[in-house]
Each structure stands twice: as structure tokens, then as C-alpha cells.
Amino acid sequence: MGTIILGELIRQKIIERKMTVTKFARSIGCCRRNVYSIFGRRSLDTVQLRKISDVLEHNFFADC
């Protein structure tokens, strides 16, 4: 099994929720550019990941 890229899981969940990157960025309090940066990350700060989990209604902590 390969390394899990957390940012890719987040990107997939945004697509599943049919949410735009702009709307998602506003929901987590950042800009679109930062969201695209998140998509390439393998890990995130726990506070930011909690906020993303709440917005996307998915427990990303269980995926790590």
C-alpha cells in the first residue's frame, strides 16, 4: 500500500460534496491558493484538519 496523501483525500471529498474550491476556502477561512497547497500535503495541523473534517463532514483523522 502506498503512502496516503491527505490532501488528495480532501480534494476527493470536496468533489464528492460538489463543493467549489472557493466555497471550501471560505468555509475553512483561507484563500483558494492555500486550498490548492493543501491538496499536495501529506499532513496538516490538527486544528486545520479538525475544521476541514467539520466542513466536509468526514473524519480525516480516521484515514491517517
N, C-alpha and C. Protein backbone atom coordinates (compact mmCIF):
# COMPACT_ATOMS: atom_id res chain seq x y z
N MET A 1 0.84 -1.19 0.00
CA MET A 1 0.00 0.00 0.00
C MET A 1 0.89 1.24 0.00
N GLY A 2 0.53 2.24 -0.81
CA GLY A 2 1.30 3.47 -0.92
C GLY A 2 1.02 4.42 0.23
N THR A 3 1.79 5.47 0.27
CA THR A 3 1.62 6.49 1.29
C THR A 3 0.33 7.28 1.01
N ILE A 4 -0.42 7.51 2.06
CA ILE A 4 -1.66 8.28 1.93
C ILE A 4 -1.31 9.76 1.83
N ILE A 5 -1.80 10.40 0.79
CA ILE A 5 -1.65 11.85 0.66
C ILE A 5 -2.96 12.46 1.14
N LEU A 6 -2.91 13.00 2.34
CA LEU A 6 -4.11 13.54 2.98
C LEU A 6 -4.79 14.59 2.11
N GLY A 7 -3.99 15.43 1.49
CA GLY A 7 -4.56 16.48 0.63
C GLY A 7 -5.38 15.92 -0.51
N GLU A 8 -4.96 14.79 -1.06
CA GLU A 8 -5.71 14.16 -2.14
C GLU A 8 -7.05 13.63 -1.63
N LEU A 9 -7.06 13.08 -0.42
CA LEU A 9 -8.33 12.63 0.16
C LEU A 9 -9.29 13.80 0.36
N ILE A 10 -8.75 14.93 0.79
CA ILE A 10 -9.57 16.13 0.98
C ILE A 10 -10.12 16.59 -0.36
N ARG A 11 -9.27 16.61 -1.39
CA ARG A 11 -9.72 17.02 -2.73
C ARG A 11 -10.85 16.11 -3.22
N GLN A 12 -10.70 14.82 -3.03
CA GLN A 12 -11.74 13.88 -3.46
C GLN A 12 -13.05 14.12 -2.73
N LYS A 13 -12.98 14.41 -1.43
CA LYS A 13 -14.20 14.65 -0.65
C LYS A 13 -14.88 15.95 -1.09
N ILE A 14 -14.11 16.96 -1.45
CA ILE A 14 -14.68 18.22 -1.96
C ILE A 14 -15.44 17.94 -3.25
N ILE A 15 -14.85 17.13 -4.12
CA ILE A 15 -15.51 16.77 -5.38
C ILE A 15 -16.79 15.99 -5.10
N GLU A 16 -16.73 15.01 -4.20
CA GLU A 16 -17.92 14.22 -3.85
C GLU A 16 -19.05 15.11 -3.33
N ARG A 17 -18.69 16.12 -2.57
CA ARG A 17 -19.69 17.04 -1.98
C ARG A 17 -20.16 18.10 -2.98
N LYS A 18 -19.56 18.06 -4.19
CA LYS A 18 -19.89 19.05 -5.24
C LYS A 18 -19.73 20.48 -4.72
N MET A 19 -18.64 20.69 -4.00
CA MET A 19 -18.33 21.99 -3.42
C MET A 19 -17.23 22.64 -4.25
N THR A 20 -17.34 23.91 -4.50
CA THR A 20 -16.29 24.61 -5.23
C THR A 20 -15.10 24.86 -4.30
N VAL A 21 -13.94 25.02 -4.90
CA VAL A 21 -12.75 25.32 -4.10
C VAL A 21 -12.92 26.66 -3.39
N THR A 22 -13.55 27.61 -4.06
CA THR A 22 -13.78 28.93 -3.46
C THR A 22 -14.67 28.82 -2.23
N LYS A 23 -15.75 28.07 -2.34
CA LYS A 23 -16.66 27.91 -1.19
C LYS A 23 -15.96 27.18 -0.06
N PHE A 24 -15.19 26.15 -0.39
CA PHE A 24 -14.46 25.41 0.62
C PHE A 24 -13.46 26.32 1.32
N ALA A 25 -12.72 27.10 0.54
CA ALA A 25 -11.73 28.02 1.11
C ALA A 25 -12.38 28.98 2.09
N ARG A 26 -13.52 29.55 1.71
CA ARG A 26 -14.23 30.46 2.62
C ARG A 26 -14.66 29.73 3.88
N SER A 27 -15.11 28.50 3.74
CA SER A 27 -15.60 27.72 4.87
C SER A 27 -14.52 27.43 5.91
N ILE A 28 -13.29 27.27 5.45
CA ILE A 28 -12.21 26.99 6.39
C ILE A 28 -11.37 28.23 6.71
N GLY A 29 -11.76 29.36 6.14
CA GLY A 29 -11.10 30.63 6.47
C GLY A 29 -9.75 30.84 5.83
N CYS A 30 -9.62 30.44 4.57
CA CYS A 30 -8.36 30.70 3.86
C CYS A 30 -8.67 31.06 2.41
N CYS A 31 -7.62 31.26 1.62
CA CYS A 31 -7.82 31.62 0.22
C CYS A 31 -7.69 30.38 -0.67
N ARG A 32 -8.15 30.50 -1.91
CA ARG A 32 -8.10 29.38 -2.86
C ARG A 32 -6.68 28.84 -3.04
N ARG A 33 -5.73 29.73 -3.11
CA ARG A 33 -4.34 29.31 -3.31
C ARG A 33 -3.89 28.37 -2.19
N ASN A 34 -4.29 28.67 -0.96
CA ASN A 34 -3.93 27.79 0.16
C ASN A 34 -4.60 26.43 0.04
N VAL A 35 -5.83 26.39 -0.48
CA VAL A 35 -6.52 25.11 -0.66
C VAL A 35 -5.76 24.24 -1.65
N TYR A 36 -5.30 24.83 -2.75
CA TYR A 36 -4.54 24.06 -3.73
C TYR A 36 -3.22 23.56 -3.11
N SER A 37 -2.66 24.33 -2.20
CA SER A 37 -1.47 23.89 -1.48
C SER A 37 -1.79 22.70 -0.57
N ILE A 38 -2.95 22.74 0.07
CA ILE A 38 -3.39 21.64 0.94
C ILE A 38 -3.49 20.34 0.15
N PHE A 39 -3.95 20.41 -1.10
CA PHE A 39 -4.14 19.21 -1.92
C PHE A 39 -2.86 18.40 -2.09
N GLY A 40 -1.70 19.02 -1.99
CA GLY A 40 -0.45 18.31 -2.16
C GLY A 40 0.21 17.85 -0.87
N ARG A 41 -0.41 18.14 0.26
CA ARG A 41 0.21 17.82 1.55
C ARG A 41 -0.09 16.40 2.03
N ARG A 42 0.88 15.86 2.74
CA ARG A 42 0.72 14.54 3.35
C ARG A 42 0.19 14.65 4.77
N SER A 43 0.34 15.83 5.38
CA SER A 43 -0.14 16.04 6.74
C SER A 43 -0.58 17.49 6.89
N LEU A 44 -1.38 17.73 7.93
CA LEU A 44 -1.87 19.08 8.23
C LEU A 44 -1.86 19.29 9.72
N ASP A 45 -1.85 20.53 10.12
CA ASP A 45 -2.02 20.91 11.51
C ASP A 45 -3.35 20.35 12.01
N THR A 46 -3.40 19.84 13.23
CA THR A 46 -4.62 19.20 13.73
C THR A 46 -5.80 20.16 13.83
N VAL A 47 -5.54 21.42 14.14
CA VAL A 47 -6.63 22.40 14.22
C VAL A 47 -7.25 22.60 12.83
N GLN A 48 -6.39 22.73 11.83
CA GLN A 48 -6.88 22.91 10.47
C GLN A 48 -7.61 21.65 9.98
N LEU A 49 -7.07 20.49 10.30
CA LEU A 49 -7.70 19.24 9.88
C LEU A 49 -9.05 19.05 10.56
N ARG A 50 -9.20 19.47 11.81
CA ARG A 50 -10.49 19.39 12.51
C ARG A 50 -11.51 20.27 11.79
N LYS A 51 -11.11 21.48 11.41
CA LYS A 51 -12.01 22.40 10.72
C LYS A 51 -12.43 21.81 9.37
N ILE A 52 -11.49 21.25 8.64
CA ILE A 52 -11.78 20.63 7.34
C ILE A 52 -12.72 19.44 7.53
N SER A 53 -12.46 18.64 8.55
CA SER A 53 -13.33 17.49 8.84
C SER A 53 -14.75 17.94 9.13
N ASP A 54 -14.89 19.01 9.89
CA ASP A 54 -16.23 19.53 10.21
C ASP A 54 -16.94 20.04 8.96
N VAL A 55 -16.24 20.81 8.14
CA VAL A 55 -16.84 21.38 6.93
C VAL A 55 -17.26 20.29 5.95
N LEU A 56 -16.42 19.27 5.78
CA LEU A 56 -16.71 18.21 4.81
C LEU A 56 -17.47 17.03 5.42
N GLU A 57 -17.75 17.13 6.72
CA GLU A 57 -18.49 16.09 7.44
C GLU A 57 -17.85 14.71 7.22
N HIS A 58 -16.53 14.68 7.41
CA HIS A 58 -15.77 13.43 7.25
C HIS A 58 -14.62 13.43 8.26
N ASN A 59 -14.41 12.31 8.93
CA ASN A 59 -13.33 12.21 9.92
C ASN A 59 -12.02 11.81 9.23
N PHE A 60 -11.25 12.81 8.85
CA PHE A 60 -9.98 12.56 8.18
C PHE A 60 -8.95 11.98 9.14
N PHE A 61 -9.15 12.14 10.44
CA PHE A 61 -8.23 11.57 11.43
C PHE A 61 -8.25 10.05 11.35
N ALA A 62 -9.38 9.48 11.00
CA ALA A 62 -9.51 8.03 10.89
C ALA A 62 -8.79 7.51 9.64
N ASP A 63 -8.56 8.36 8.67
CA ASP A 63 -7.90 7.96 7.41
C ASP A 63 -6.39 7.94 7.54
N CYS A 64 -5.85 8.57 8.56
CA CYS A 64 -4.38 8.69 8.70
C CYS A 64 -3.79 7.48 9.37
